[in-house]
């Protein structure tokens, strides 16, 4: 990846292991709304999309009910999830090594910007990627897999999409990167399988973030 001088990371499932917290908060939201629990694999399949789509596609909710679910989810997330969230093995060391090599980095997430910044601080990721370089779904009109987040990053950081490598754990990340004109790298330790990710035709597939080095 010698020609890539800028890396755009996804957050959930790529830098941070947030899956358990997301699932538990999702199920608690369903309970609050008097709805049955959803199969965990179905919840996993929509992680990476905008939160409202998690409920419309993951729980077959109407748009109105999904809006209410999003309100509840955000209200209870920080009571349930933070204690379950960790950085994946090798993440902090890898980010530090990339920083020393002069590789500039940003985060493009389907999470809201305030939640993203808080978790980056909590996990120590903001030592290597300042929260000012973190872009949440509320920064753009169209969330993943639309290319808007990449364009927002590039516009602020003064880089071209073809100079960027997008790294993510879902086909939504890979499609976002492709649509923006970036090269892409799928990681297989997150929320989607290697086979599913391969179907999105990433330029690289790795099973450990340290392999970026």
N, C-alpha and C. Protein backbone atom coordinates (compact mmCIF):
# COMPACT_ATOMS: atom_id res chain seq x y z
N UNK A 1 0.83 -1.21 0.00
CA UNK A 1 0.00 0.00 0.00
C UNK A 1 0.86 1.25 0.00
N UNK A 2 2.03 1.19 -0.66
CA UNK A 2 2.96 2.30 -0.60
C UNK A 2 2.36 3.58 -1.17
N UNK A 3 1.42 3.46 -2.12
CA UNK A 3 0.84 4.65 -2.72
C UNK A 3 -0.23 5.27 -1.84
N UNK A 4 -0.71 4.55 -0.81
CA UNK A 4 -1.72 5.10 0.08
C UNK A 4 -1.05 5.82 1.25
N UNK A 5 -1.28 7.10 1.35
CA UNK A 5 -0.69 7.88 2.43
C UNK A 5 -1.73 8.31 3.45
N UNK A 6 -2.95 7.86 3.29
CA UNK A 6 -4.02 8.22 4.21
C UNK A 6 -4.92 7.01 4.40
N UNK A 7 -5.23 6.69 5.64
CA UNK A 7 -6.09 5.54 5.92
C UNK A 7 -7.36 6.02 6.61
N UNK A 8 -8.50 5.58 6.10
CA UNK A 8 -9.80 5.87 6.71
C UNK A 8 -10.31 4.57 7.33
N UNK A 9 -10.39 4.55 8.65
CA UNK A 9 -10.84 3.37 9.37
C UNK A 9 -12.33 3.46 9.70
N UNK A 10 -13.01 2.35 9.57
CA UNK A 10 -14.29 2.17 10.25
C UNK A 10 -13.98 2.03 11.74
N UNK A 11 -15.00 2.15 12.58
CA UNK A 11 -14.77 2.05 14.04
C UNK A 11 -15.30 0.73 14.60
N UNK A 12 -16.63 0.56 14.58
CA UNK A 12 -17.23 -0.64 15.18
C UNK A 12 -16.86 -1.88 14.37
N UNK A 13 -16.22 -2.84 15.02
CA UNK A 13 -15.85 -4.07 14.34
C UNK A 13 -14.52 -4.00 13.62
N UNK A 14 -13.90 -2.83 13.59
CA UNK A 14 -12.61 -2.66 12.93
C UNK A 14 -11.54 -2.22 13.92
N UNK A 15 -11.79 -1.11 14.60
CA UNK A 15 -10.88 -0.67 15.66
C UNK A 15 -11.36 -1.14 17.03
N UNK A 16 -12.65 -1.13 17.23
CA UNK A 16 -13.22 -1.46 18.54
C UNK A 16 -14.18 -2.63 18.46
N UNK A 17 -14.06 -3.50 19.45
CA UNK A 17 -14.98 -4.65 19.55
C UNK A 17 -16.20 -4.18 20.33
N UNK A 18 -17.19 -3.73 19.60
CA UNK A 18 -18.41 -3.17 20.19
C UNK A 18 -19.61 -4.08 20.03
N UNK A 19 -19.42 -5.24 19.43
CA UNK A 19 -20.56 -6.07 19.04
C UNK A 19 -21.44 -6.47 20.22
N UNK A 20 -20.84 -6.93 21.30
CA UNK A 20 -21.64 -7.36 22.44
C UNK A 20 -22.47 -6.20 23.00
N UNK A 21 -21.88 -5.04 23.10
CA UNK A 21 -22.61 -3.89 23.60
C UNK A 21 -23.74 -3.47 22.69
N UNK A 22 -23.51 -3.54 21.38
CA UNK A 22 -24.56 -3.20 20.42
C UNK A 22 -25.71 -4.18 20.53
N UNK A 23 -25.39 -5.47 20.58
CA UNK A 23 -26.44 -6.48 20.64
C UNK A 23 -27.26 -6.34 21.93
N UNK A 24 -26.57 -6.15 23.05
CA UNK A 24 -27.28 -6.04 24.33
C UNK A 24 -28.17 -4.80 24.36
N UNK A 25 -27.68 -3.69 23.79
CA UNK A 25 -28.49 -2.47 23.75
C UNK A 25 -29.65 -2.62 22.80
N UNK A 26 -29.43 -3.28 21.68
CA UNK A 26 -30.50 -3.55 20.71
C UNK A 26 -31.61 -4.37 21.36
N UNK A 27 -31.22 -5.44 22.06
CA UNK A 27 -32.22 -6.31 22.69
C UNK A 27 -32.96 -5.59 23.81
N UNK A 28 -32.24 -4.75 24.55
CA UNK A 28 -32.91 -3.98 25.60
C UNK A 28 -33.90 -2.98 25.01
N UNK A 29 -33.57 -2.44 23.86
CA UNK A 29 -34.49 -1.54 23.17
C UNK A 29 -35.76 -2.28 22.74
N UNK A 30 -35.56 -3.47 22.20
CA UNK A 30 -36.71 -4.29 21.81
C UNK A 30 -37.61 -4.57 23.01
N UNK A 31 -36.99 -4.88 24.13
CA UNK A 31 -37.75 -5.18 25.35
C UNK A 31 -38.55 -3.95 25.80
N UNK A 32 -37.91 -2.78 25.77
CA UNK A 32 -38.58 -1.55 26.17
C UNK A 32 -39.81 -1.28 25.30
N UNK A 33 -39.72 -1.70 24.05
CA UNK A 33 -40.82 -1.45 23.11
C UNK A 33 -41.83 -2.59 23.08
N UNK A 34 -41.63 -3.59 23.94
CA UNK A 34 -42.56 -4.70 24.02
C UNK A 34 -42.48 -5.62 22.83
N UNK A 35 -41.32 -5.70 22.22
CA UNK A 35 -41.13 -6.55 21.04
C UNK A 35 -40.24 -7.74 21.38
N UNK A 36 -40.36 -8.84 20.64
CA UNK A 36 -39.52 -10.00 20.91
C UNK A 36 -38.06 -9.75 20.53
N UNK A 37 -37.17 -10.50 21.16
CA UNK A 37 -35.76 -10.39 20.83
C UNK A 37 -35.52 -10.80 19.38
N UNK A 38 -34.43 -10.30 18.84
CA UNK A 38 -34.03 -10.59 17.46
C UNK A 38 -32.82 -11.50 17.49
N UNK A 39 -32.74 -12.42 16.56
CA UNK A 39 -31.58 -13.31 16.49
C UNK A 39 -30.30 -12.50 16.38
N UNK A 40 -29.28 -12.90 17.15
CA UNK A 40 -28.04 -12.14 17.17
C UNK A 40 -27.40 -12.03 15.79
N UNK A 41 -27.47 -13.08 14.99
CA UNK A 41 -26.86 -13.02 13.66
C UNK A 41 -27.53 -11.97 12.79
N UNK A 42 -28.82 -11.79 13.00
CA UNK A 42 -29.52 -10.77 12.21
C UNK A 42 -29.07 -9.37 12.64
N UNK A 43 -28.86 -9.19 13.93
CA UNK A 43 -28.36 -7.89 14.40
C UNK A 43 -26.97 -7.64 13.83
N UNK A 44 -26.12 -8.66 13.89
CA UNK A 44 -24.76 -8.53 13.34
C UNK A 44 -24.78 -8.12 11.87
N UNK A 45 -25.76 -8.62 11.14
CA UNK A 45 -25.80 -8.39 9.69
C UNK A 45 -26.06 -6.94 9.32
N UNK A 46 -26.61 -6.15 10.27
CA UNK A 46 -26.91 -4.75 9.95
C UNK A 46 -25.99 -3.78 10.68
N UNK A 47 -25.09 -4.29 11.53
CA UNK A 47 -24.11 -3.41 12.16
C UNK A 47 -23.24 -2.79 11.06
N UNK A 48 -23.08 -1.50 11.14
CA UNK A 48 -22.35 -0.79 10.10
C UNK A 48 -23.24 0.12 9.28
N UNK A 49 -24.53 -0.15 9.30
CA UNK A 49 -25.49 0.74 8.66
C UNK A 49 -25.88 1.84 9.65
N UNK A 50 -26.57 2.85 9.15
CA UNK A 50 -27.12 3.88 10.02
C UNK A 50 -28.02 3.21 11.06
N UNK A 51 -28.02 3.76 12.29
CA UNK A 51 -28.72 3.12 13.40
C UNK A 51 -30.21 2.89 13.08
N UNK A 52 -30.84 3.83 12.43
CA UNK A 52 -32.26 3.64 12.10
C UNK A 52 -32.45 2.41 11.21
N UNK A 53 -31.52 2.20 10.28
CA UNK A 53 -31.61 1.04 9.40
C UNK A 53 -31.39 -0.26 10.17
N UNK A 54 -30.66 -0.19 11.28
CA UNK A 54 -30.51 -1.39 12.11
C UNK A 54 -31.89 -1.92 12.52
N UNK A 55 -32.81 -1.00 12.78
CA UNK A 55 -34.14 -1.41 13.24
C UNK A 55 -35.11 -1.67 12.09
N UNK A 56 -35.03 -0.88 11.02
CA UNK A 56 -35.94 -1.15 9.90
C UNK A 56 -35.57 -2.46 9.20
N UNK A 57 -34.27 -2.71 9.06
CA UNK A 57 -33.82 -3.92 8.36
C UNK A 57 -33.56 -5.09 9.31
N UNK A 58 -33.16 -4.78 10.54
CA UNK A 58 -32.84 -5.85 11.48
C UNK A 58 -34.02 -6.33 12.30
N UNK A 59 -35.07 -5.49 12.40
CA UNK A 59 -36.23 -5.87 13.21
C UNK A 59 -37.55 -5.60 12.49
N UNK A 60 -37.47 -5.32 11.21
CA UNK A 60 -38.68 -5.11 10.38
C UNK A 60 -39.60 -4.04 10.95
N UNK A 61 -39.01 -2.97 11.49
CA UNK A 61 -39.82 -1.90 12.04
C UNK A 61 -40.23 -0.91 10.97
N UNK A 62 -41.35 -0.25 11.20
CA UNK A 62 -41.75 0.87 10.35
C UNK A 62 -40.79 2.03 10.62
N UNK A 63 -40.78 3.00 9.74
CA UNK A 63 -39.92 4.16 9.91
C UNK A 63 -40.22 4.88 11.23
N UNK A 64 -41.50 5.00 11.56
CA UNK A 64 -41.88 5.69 12.79
C UNK A 64 -41.41 4.92 14.03
N UNK A 65 -41.63 3.62 14.04
CA UNK A 65 -41.18 2.82 15.18
C UNK A 65 -39.66 2.82 15.29
N UNK A 66 -38.98 2.81 14.14
CA UNK A 66 -37.52 2.82 14.16
C UNK A 66 -36.98 4.13 14.72
N UNK A 67 -37.66 5.23 14.44
CA UNK A 67 -37.26 6.51 15.03
C UNK A 67 -37.33 6.45 16.55
N UNK A 68 -38.39 5.84 17.07
CA UNK A 68 -38.54 5.69 18.51
C UNK A 68 -37.48 4.75 19.06
N UNK A 69 -37.19 3.68 18.33
CA UNK A 69 -36.16 2.73 18.76
C UNK A 69 -34.80 3.41 18.85
N UNK A 70 -34.49 4.26 17.90
CA UNK A 70 -33.22 4.99 17.92
C UNK A 70 -33.13 5.87 19.16
N UNK A 71 -34.22 6.53 19.50
CA UNK A 71 -34.23 7.37 20.70
C UNK A 71 -33.93 6.56 21.94
N UNK A 72 -34.61 5.40 22.07
CA UNK A 72 -34.40 4.55 23.24
C UNK A 72 -32.98 4.00 23.26
N UNK A 73 -32.52 3.53 22.12
CA UNK A 73 -31.17 2.95 22.03
C UNK A 73 -30.12 3.96 22.50
N UNK A 74 -30.22 5.17 22.00
CA UNK A 74 -29.22 6.18 22.37
C UNK A 74 -29.34 6.58 23.84
N UNK A 75 -30.55 6.52 24.35
CA UNK A 75 -30.77 6.86 25.76
C UNK A 75 -30.11 5.84 26.69
N UNK A 76 -30.12 4.57 26.31
CA UNK A 76 -29.65 3.52 27.23
C UNK A 76 -28.26 2.97 26.88
N UNK A 77 -27.72 3.34 25.71
CA UNK A 77 -26.47 2.73 25.26
C UNK A 77 -25.35 2.87 26.28
N UNK A 78 -25.16 4.05 26.83
CA UNK A 78 -24.02 4.27 27.72
C UNK A 78 -24.25 3.73 29.13
N UNK A 79 -25.46 3.26 29.40
CA UNK A 79 -25.70 2.53 30.65
C UNK A 79 -25.38 1.05 30.50
N UNK A 80 -25.40 0.56 29.26
CA UNK A 80 -25.26 -0.87 29.01
C UNK A 80 -23.91 -1.24 28.39
N UNK A 81 -23.51 -0.49 27.39
CA UNK A 81 -22.46 -0.97 26.49
C UNK A 81 -21.01 -0.68 26.88
N UNK A 82 -20.66 0.49 27.44
CA UNK A 82 -19.24 0.83 27.54
C UNK A 82 -18.37 -0.21 28.24
N UNK A 83 -18.89 -0.86 29.26
CA UNK A 83 -18.06 -1.83 29.98
C UNK A 83 -17.75 -3.07 29.15
N UNK A 84 -18.45 -3.26 28.04
CA UNK A 84 -18.21 -4.42 27.19
C UNK A 84 -17.29 -4.09 26.01
N UNK A 85 -16.93 -2.82 25.84
CA UNK A 85 -16.22 -2.38 24.63
C UNK A 85 -14.72 -2.31 24.87
N UNK A 86 -13.96 -2.92 23.97
CA UNK A 86 -12.50 -2.89 24.03
C UNK A 86 -11.94 -2.65 22.63
N UNK A 87 -10.70 -2.19 22.58
CA UNK A 87 -10.00 -2.13 21.29
C UNK A 87 -9.57 -3.55 20.93
N UNK A 88 -9.64 -3.88 19.65
CA UNK A 88 -9.19 -5.20 19.22
C UNK A 88 -7.68 -5.36 19.47
N UNK A 89 -7.22 -6.59 19.66
CA UNK A 89 -5.78 -6.81 19.86
C UNK A 89 -4.96 -6.21 18.72
N UNK A 90 -3.91 -5.50 19.09
CA UNK A 90 -3.00 -4.94 18.11
C UNK A 90 -3.38 -3.59 17.56
N UNK A 91 -4.59 -3.11 17.89
CA UNK A 91 -5.04 -1.84 17.31
C UNK A 91 -4.16 -0.67 17.72
N UNK A 92 -3.95 -0.51 19.02
CA UNK A 92 -3.20 0.66 19.47
C UNK A 92 -1.75 0.62 18.99
N UNK A 93 -1.13 -0.55 19.02
CA UNK A 93 0.24 -0.68 18.53
C UNK A 93 0.31 -0.37 17.04
N UNK A 94 -0.67 -0.85 16.29
CA UNK A 94 -0.68 -0.62 14.84
C UNK A 94 -0.88 0.86 14.52
N UNK A 95 -1.80 1.50 15.21
CA UNK A 95 -2.02 2.93 14.98
C UNK A 95 -0.77 3.72 15.32
N UNK A 96 -0.11 3.33 16.40
CA UNK A 96 1.13 4.02 16.77
C UNK A 96 2.22 3.85 15.72
N UNK A 97 2.35 2.63 15.19
CA UNK A 97 3.35 2.37 14.16
C UNK A 97 3.05 3.13 12.88
N UNK A 98 1.78 3.19 12.50
CA UNK A 98 1.39 3.94 11.30
C UNK A 98 1.68 5.42 11.49
N UNK A 99 1.38 5.93 12.68
CA UNK A 99 1.64 7.34 12.97
C UNK A 99 3.13 7.65 12.83
N UNK A 100 3.97 6.76 13.33
CA UNK A 100 5.43 6.96 13.24
C UNK A 100 5.90 6.95 11.79
N UNK A 101 5.21 6.21 10.94
CA UNK A 101 5.57 6.15 9.52
C UNK A 101 5.07 7.37 8.74
N UNK A 102 4.34 8.25 9.42
CA UNK A 102 3.85 9.44 8.75
C UNK A 102 2.55 9.23 8.00
N UNK A 103 1.87 8.09 8.25
CA UNK A 103 0.59 7.83 7.61
C UNK A 103 -0.49 8.60 8.37
N UNK A 104 -1.22 9.43 7.67
CA UNK A 104 -2.31 10.18 8.28
C UNK A 104 -3.55 9.30 8.34
N UNK A 105 -4.39 9.51 9.35
CA UNK A 105 -5.51 8.61 9.59
C UNK A 105 -6.76 9.37 10.02
N UNK A 106 -7.90 8.78 9.71
CA UNK A 106 -9.20 9.31 10.14
C UNK A 106 -10.12 8.13 10.41
N UNK A 107 -11.26 8.42 11.02
CA UNK A 107 -12.29 7.41 11.27
C UNK A 107 -13.58 7.87 10.61
N UNK A 108 -14.24 6.95 9.90
CA UNK A 108 -15.54 7.22 9.28
C UNK A 108 -16.51 6.17 9.79
N UNK A 109 -17.48 6.59 10.58
CA UNK A 109 -18.34 5.65 11.30
C UNK A 109 -19.82 5.93 11.08
N UNK A 110 -20.62 4.88 11.20
CA UNK A 110 -22.08 5.04 11.19
C UNK A 110 -22.59 5.47 12.56
N UNK A 111 -21.71 5.52 13.54
CA UNK A 111 -22.05 5.99 14.89
C UNK A 111 -22.15 7.52 14.88
N UNK A 112 -22.91 8.10 15.80
CA UNK A 112 -22.96 9.55 15.93
C UNK A 112 -21.61 10.08 16.41
N UNK A 113 -21.29 11.30 16.02
CA UNK A 113 -19.96 11.87 16.29
C UNK A 113 -19.64 11.97 17.78
N UNK A 114 -20.61 12.33 18.62
CA UNK A 114 -20.32 12.48 20.04
C UNK A 114 -20.02 11.13 20.68
N UNK A 115 -20.78 10.11 20.32
CA UNK A 115 -20.53 8.75 20.81
C UNK A 115 -19.18 8.25 20.32
N UNK A 116 -18.88 8.50 19.05
CA UNK A 116 -17.61 8.08 18.48
C UNK A 116 -16.43 8.71 19.21
N UNK A 117 -16.49 10.01 19.43
CA UNK A 117 -15.39 10.70 20.11
C UNK A 117 -15.20 10.20 21.53
N UNK A 118 -16.30 9.97 22.24
CA UNK A 118 -16.20 9.49 23.61
C UNK A 118 -15.52 8.13 23.67
N UNK A 119 -15.92 7.21 22.78
CA UNK A 119 -15.34 5.87 22.79
C UNK A 119 -13.88 5.89 22.33
N UNK A 120 -13.55 6.73 21.38
CA UNK A 120 -12.15 6.85 20.95
C UNK A 120 -11.27 7.33 22.10
N UNK A 121 -11.77 8.29 22.88
CA UNK A 121 -11.03 8.76 24.05
C UNK A 121 -10.89 7.66 25.08
N UNK A 122 -11.99 6.96 25.35
CA UNK A 122 -12.01 5.92 26.38
C UNK A 122 -11.03 4.79 26.06
N UNK A 123 -10.92 4.45 24.78
CA UNK A 123 -10.07 3.33 24.37
C UNK A 123 -8.63 3.73 24.08
N UNK A 124 -8.33 5.02 24.10
CA UNK A 124 -6.98 5.48 23.81
C UNK A 124 -6.68 5.64 22.34
N UNK A 125 -7.69 5.49 21.49
CA UNK A 125 -7.48 5.61 20.04
C UNK A 125 -7.20 7.05 19.65
N UNK A 126 -7.76 8.00 20.40
CA UNK A 126 -7.58 9.41 20.05
C UNK A 126 -6.15 9.90 20.27
N UNK A 127 -5.30 9.08 20.90
CA UNK A 127 -3.87 9.43 20.98
C UNK A 127 -3.23 9.40 19.61
N UNK A 128 -3.80 8.61 18.71
CA UNK A 128 -3.23 8.42 17.38
C UNK A 128 -4.09 9.02 16.27
N UNK A 129 -5.40 9.03 16.49
CA UNK A 129 -6.33 9.66 15.54
C UNK A 129 -7.14 10.68 16.33
N UNK A 130 -6.82 11.95 16.23
CA UNK A 130 -7.56 12.95 17.00
C UNK A 130 -9.06 12.89 16.69
N UNK A 131 -9.85 13.19 17.69
CA UNK A 131 -11.30 13.13 17.48
C UNK A 131 -11.76 14.14 16.43
N UNK A 132 -10.95 15.14 16.15
CA UNK A 132 -11.26 16.06 15.07
C UNK A 132 -11.17 15.41 13.71
N UNK A 133 -10.52 14.24 13.66
CA UNK A 133 -10.43 13.46 12.42
C UNK A 133 -11.44 12.31 12.41
N UNK A 134 -12.44 12.39 13.28
CA UNK A 134 -13.45 11.35 13.38
C UNK A 134 -14.77 11.89 12.83
N UNK A 135 -15.35 11.15 11.89
CA UNK A 135 -16.55 11.60 11.20
C UNK A 135 -17.66 10.59 11.43
N UNK A 136 -18.76 11.05 12.03
CA UNK A 136 -19.90 10.19 12.29
C UNK A 136 -20.98 10.37 11.24
N UNK A 137 -22.01 9.53 11.35
CA UNK A 137 -23.09 9.57 10.37
C UNK A 137 -23.81 10.91 10.35
N UNK A 138 -23.76 11.64 11.46
CA UNK A 138 -24.43 12.93 11.53
C UNK A 138 -23.67 14.04 10.80
N UNK A 139 -22.48 13.69 10.26
CA UNK A 139 -21.69 14.68 9.52
C UNK A 139 -22.10 14.77 8.05
N UNK A 140 -22.89 13.80 7.59
CA UNK A 140 -23.21 13.72 6.17
C UNK A 140 -24.70 13.49 5.97
N UNK A 141 -25.14 13.71 4.75
CA UNK A 141 -26.55 13.49 4.44
C UNK A 141 -26.85 12.00 4.25
N UNK A 142 -25.93 11.30 3.60
CA UNK A 142 -26.15 9.89 3.29
C UNK A 142 -25.09 9.03 3.98
N UNK A 143 -25.55 8.08 4.80
CA UNK A 143 -24.63 7.22 5.54
C UNK A 143 -24.12 6.08 4.65
N UNK A 144 -23.23 5.26 5.19
CA UNK A 144 -22.72 4.10 4.47
C UNK A 144 -23.88 3.24 3.96
N UNK A 145 -23.76 2.66 2.79
CA UNK A 145 -22.57 2.54 1.94
C UNK A 145 -22.39 3.68 0.94
N UNK A 146 -23.13 4.78 1.08
CA UNK A 146 -22.89 5.94 0.23
C UNK A 146 -21.46 6.45 0.47
N UNK A 147 -20.87 7.13 -0.49
CA UNK A 147 -19.48 7.58 -0.35
C UNK A 147 -19.33 8.89 0.42
N UNK A 148 -20.42 9.43 0.94
CA UNK A 148 -20.39 10.78 1.53
C UNK A 148 -19.36 10.93 2.64
N UNK A 149 -19.23 9.92 3.51
CA UNK A 149 -18.28 10.04 4.61
C UNK A 149 -16.85 10.16 4.10
N UNK A 150 -16.51 9.40 3.07
CA UNK A 150 -15.16 9.51 2.50
C UNK A 150 -14.95 10.92 1.94
N UNK A 151 -15.94 11.43 1.24
CA UNK A 151 -15.81 12.77 0.68
C UNK A 151 -15.65 13.81 1.79
N UNK A 152 -16.37 13.62 2.90
CA UNK A 152 -16.25 14.55 4.02
C UNK A 152 -14.84 14.53 4.60
N UNK A 153 -14.31 13.31 4.78
CA UNK A 153 -12.94 13.18 5.29
C UNK A 153 -11.95 13.85 4.35
N UNK A 154 -12.05 13.53 3.08
CA UNK A 154 -11.11 14.06 2.10
C UNK A 154 -11.19 15.58 2.01
N UNK A 155 -12.41 16.10 2.07
CA UNK A 155 -12.58 17.54 2.00
C UNK A 155 -11.92 18.26 3.16
N UNK A 156 -12.08 17.71 4.36
CA UNK A 156 -11.50 18.37 5.54
C UNK A 156 -9.99 18.16 5.62
N UNK A 157 -9.53 16.96 5.25
CA UNK A 157 -8.12 16.63 5.44
C UNK A 157 -7.26 17.00 4.23
N UNK A 158 -7.89 17.43 3.15
CA UNK A 158 -7.12 17.86 2.00
C UNK A 158 -6.43 16.74 1.25
N UNK A 159 -7.12 15.60 1.13
CA UNK A 159 -6.57 14.47 0.39
C UNK A 159 -7.56 14.05 -0.69
N UNK A 160 -7.07 13.29 -1.66
CA UNK A 160 -7.91 12.78 -2.73
C UNK A 160 -8.32 11.35 -2.41
N UNK A 161 -9.52 10.93 -2.81
CA UNK A 161 -9.95 9.56 -2.53
C UNK A 161 -8.95 8.51 -3.02
N UNK A 162 -8.34 8.74 -4.18
CA UNK A 162 -7.40 7.74 -4.71
C UNK A 162 -6.12 7.63 -3.88
N UNK A 163 -5.91 8.56 -2.96
CA UNK A 163 -4.76 8.50 -2.06
C UNK A 163 -5.10 7.76 -0.77
N UNK A 164 -6.35 7.33 -0.63
CA UNK A 164 -6.83 6.75 0.63
C UNK A 164 -7.04 5.24 0.54
N UNK A 165 -6.84 4.60 1.67
CA UNK A 165 -7.20 3.20 1.87
C UNK A 165 -8.32 3.18 2.90
N UNK A 166 -9.45 2.61 2.56
CA UNK A 166 -10.56 2.45 3.50
C UNK A 166 -10.48 1.06 4.12
N UNK A 167 -10.48 1.00 5.44
CA UNK A 167 -10.36 -0.27 6.17
C UNK A 167 -11.63 -0.49 6.98
N UNK A 168 -12.30 -1.63 6.75
CA UNK A 168 -13.54 -1.89 7.48
C UNK A 168 -13.88 -3.36 7.54
N UNK A 169 -14.86 -3.67 8.39
CA UNK A 169 -15.22 -5.07 8.64
C UNK A 169 -16.52 -5.48 7.97
N UNK A 170 -17.13 -4.58 7.19
CA UNK A 170 -18.40 -4.92 6.54
C UNK A 170 -18.36 -4.57 5.05
N UNK A 171 -19.27 -5.19 4.32
CA UNK A 171 -19.40 -4.87 2.90
C UNK A 171 -19.83 -3.42 2.71
N UNK A 172 -20.48 -2.83 3.71
CA UNK A 172 -20.90 -1.44 3.62
C UNK A 172 -19.68 -0.52 3.55
N UNK A 173 -18.64 -0.86 4.32
CA UNK A 173 -17.40 -0.08 4.29
C UNK A 173 -16.70 -0.23 2.94
N UNK A 174 -16.64 -1.45 2.45
CA UNK A 174 -15.96 -1.71 1.19
C UNK A 174 -16.68 -1.01 0.04
N UNK A 175 -18.01 -1.10 0.04
CA UNK A 175 -18.77 -0.44 -1.01
C UNK A 175 -18.60 1.07 -0.94
N UNK A 176 -18.60 1.63 0.26
CA UNK A 176 -18.37 3.07 0.43
C UNK A 176 -17.03 3.46 -0.19
N UNK A 177 -15.99 2.69 0.12
CA UNK A 177 -14.68 3.00 -0.41
C UNK A 177 -14.63 2.92 -1.92
N UNK A 178 -15.19 1.84 -2.47
CA UNK A 178 -15.20 1.68 -3.92
C UNK A 178 -15.94 2.83 -4.60
N UNK A 179 -17.10 3.18 -4.06
CA UNK A 179 -17.91 4.22 -4.69
C UNK A 179 -17.23 5.58 -4.64
N UNK A 180 -16.35 5.77 -3.65
CA UNK A 180 -15.62 7.05 -3.55
C UNK A 180 -14.35 7.06 -4.39
N UNK A 181 -13.92 5.87 -4.86
CA UNK A 181 -12.70 5.80 -5.65
C UNK A 181 -11.45 5.48 -4.84
N UNK A 182 -11.64 4.91 -3.65
CA UNK A 182 -10.51 4.53 -2.78
C UNK A 182 -10.14 3.06 -3.01
N UNK A 183 -8.96 2.69 -2.56
CA UNK A 183 -8.64 1.28 -2.40
C UNK A 183 -9.22 0.84 -1.06
N UNK A 184 -9.44 -0.45 -0.91
CA UNK A 184 -10.14 -0.94 0.28
C UNK A 184 -9.46 -2.16 0.87
N UNK A 185 -9.60 -2.30 2.18
CA UNK A 185 -9.06 -3.44 2.91
C UNK A 185 -10.13 -3.95 3.88
N UNK A 186 -10.53 -5.20 3.73
CA UNK A 186 -11.52 -5.80 4.62
C UNK A 186 -10.81 -6.54 5.75
N UNK A 187 -11.33 -6.41 6.96
CA UNK A 187 -10.82 -7.17 8.10
C UNK A 187 -11.86 -8.22 8.47
N UNK A 188 -11.40 -9.44 8.73
CA UNK A 188 -12.32 -10.57 8.90
C UNK A 188 -12.64 -10.90 10.35
N UNK A 189 -12.10 -10.12 11.30
CA UNK A 189 -12.31 -10.44 12.72
C UNK A 189 -13.51 -9.68 13.31
N UNK A 190 -14.24 -8.93 12.46
CA UNK A 190 -15.33 -8.11 12.96
C UNK A 190 -16.69 -8.78 12.83
N UNK A 191 -17.62 -8.10 12.18
CA UNK A 191 -19.01 -8.53 12.18
C UNK A 191 -19.43 -9.35 10.97
N UNK A 192 -18.58 -9.43 9.94
CA UNK A 192 -18.96 -10.19 8.75
C UNK A 192 -17.88 -11.21 8.40
N UNK A 193 -18.30 -12.29 7.77
CA UNK A 193 -17.39 -13.39 7.46
C UNK A 193 -16.46 -13.05 6.30
N UNK A 194 -15.38 -13.80 6.21
CA UNK A 194 -14.42 -13.60 5.13
C UNK A 194 -15.08 -13.83 3.77
N UNK A 195 -15.95 -14.83 3.68
CA UNK A 195 -16.63 -15.13 2.41
C UNK A 195 -17.53 -13.98 1.99
N UNK A 196 -18.29 -13.45 2.94
CA UNK A 196 -19.17 -12.34 2.62
C UNK A 196 -18.37 -11.12 2.18
N UNK A 197 -17.31 -10.84 2.89
CA UNK A 197 -16.46 -9.70 2.55
C UNK A 197 -15.80 -9.87 1.19
N UNK A 198 -15.37 -11.07 0.89
CA UNK A 198 -14.73 -11.32 -0.41
C UNK A 198 -15.67 -11.01 -1.55
N UNK A 199 -16.97 -11.21 -1.34
CA UNK A 199 -17.95 -10.93 -2.37
C UNK A 199 -18.04 -9.46 -2.73
N UNK A 200 -17.54 -8.58 -1.83
CA UNK A 200 -17.54 -7.14 -2.10
C UNK A 200 -16.28 -6.70 -2.85
N UNK A 201 -15.39 -7.64 -3.12
CA UNK A 201 -14.16 -7.40 -3.91
C UNK A 201 -13.25 -6.33 -3.32
N UNK A 202 -12.89 -6.46 -2.04
CA UNK A 202 -11.90 -5.52 -1.49
C UNK A 202 -10.54 -5.75 -2.15
N UNK A 203 -9.70 -4.72 -2.13
CA UNK A 203 -8.35 -4.88 -2.70
C UNK A 203 -7.48 -5.77 -1.82
N UNK A 204 -7.73 -5.75 -0.54
CA UNK A 204 -6.98 -6.56 0.42
C UNK A 204 -7.96 -7.17 1.42
N UNK A 205 -7.62 -8.34 1.95
CA UNK A 205 -8.36 -8.95 3.06
C UNK A 205 -7.34 -9.40 4.09
N UNK A 206 -7.53 -9.00 5.35
CA UNK A 206 -6.61 -9.38 6.42
C UNK A 206 -7.40 -9.90 7.61
N UNK A 207 -6.77 -10.76 8.40
CA UNK A 207 -7.43 -11.31 9.58
C UNK A 207 -6.88 -10.75 10.88
N UNK A 208 -5.98 -9.79 10.78
CA UNK A 208 -5.36 -9.17 11.95
C UNK A 208 -4.96 -7.76 11.53
N UNK A 209 -5.34 -6.76 12.30
CA UNK A 209 -5.06 -5.38 11.91
C UNK A 209 -3.56 -5.12 11.80
N UNK A 210 -2.76 -5.89 12.52
CA UNK A 210 -1.31 -5.69 12.45
C UNK A 210 -0.77 -5.97 11.06
N UNK A 211 -1.52 -6.69 10.24
CA UNK A 211 -1.08 -6.97 8.88
C UNK A 211 -1.13 -5.73 7.98
N UNK A 212 -1.75 -4.66 8.42
CA UNK A 212 -1.67 -3.42 7.68
C UNK A 212 -0.23 -2.95 7.55
N UNK A 213 0.58 -3.28 8.54
CA UNK A 213 1.97 -2.83 8.55
C UNK A 213 2.81 -3.51 7.50
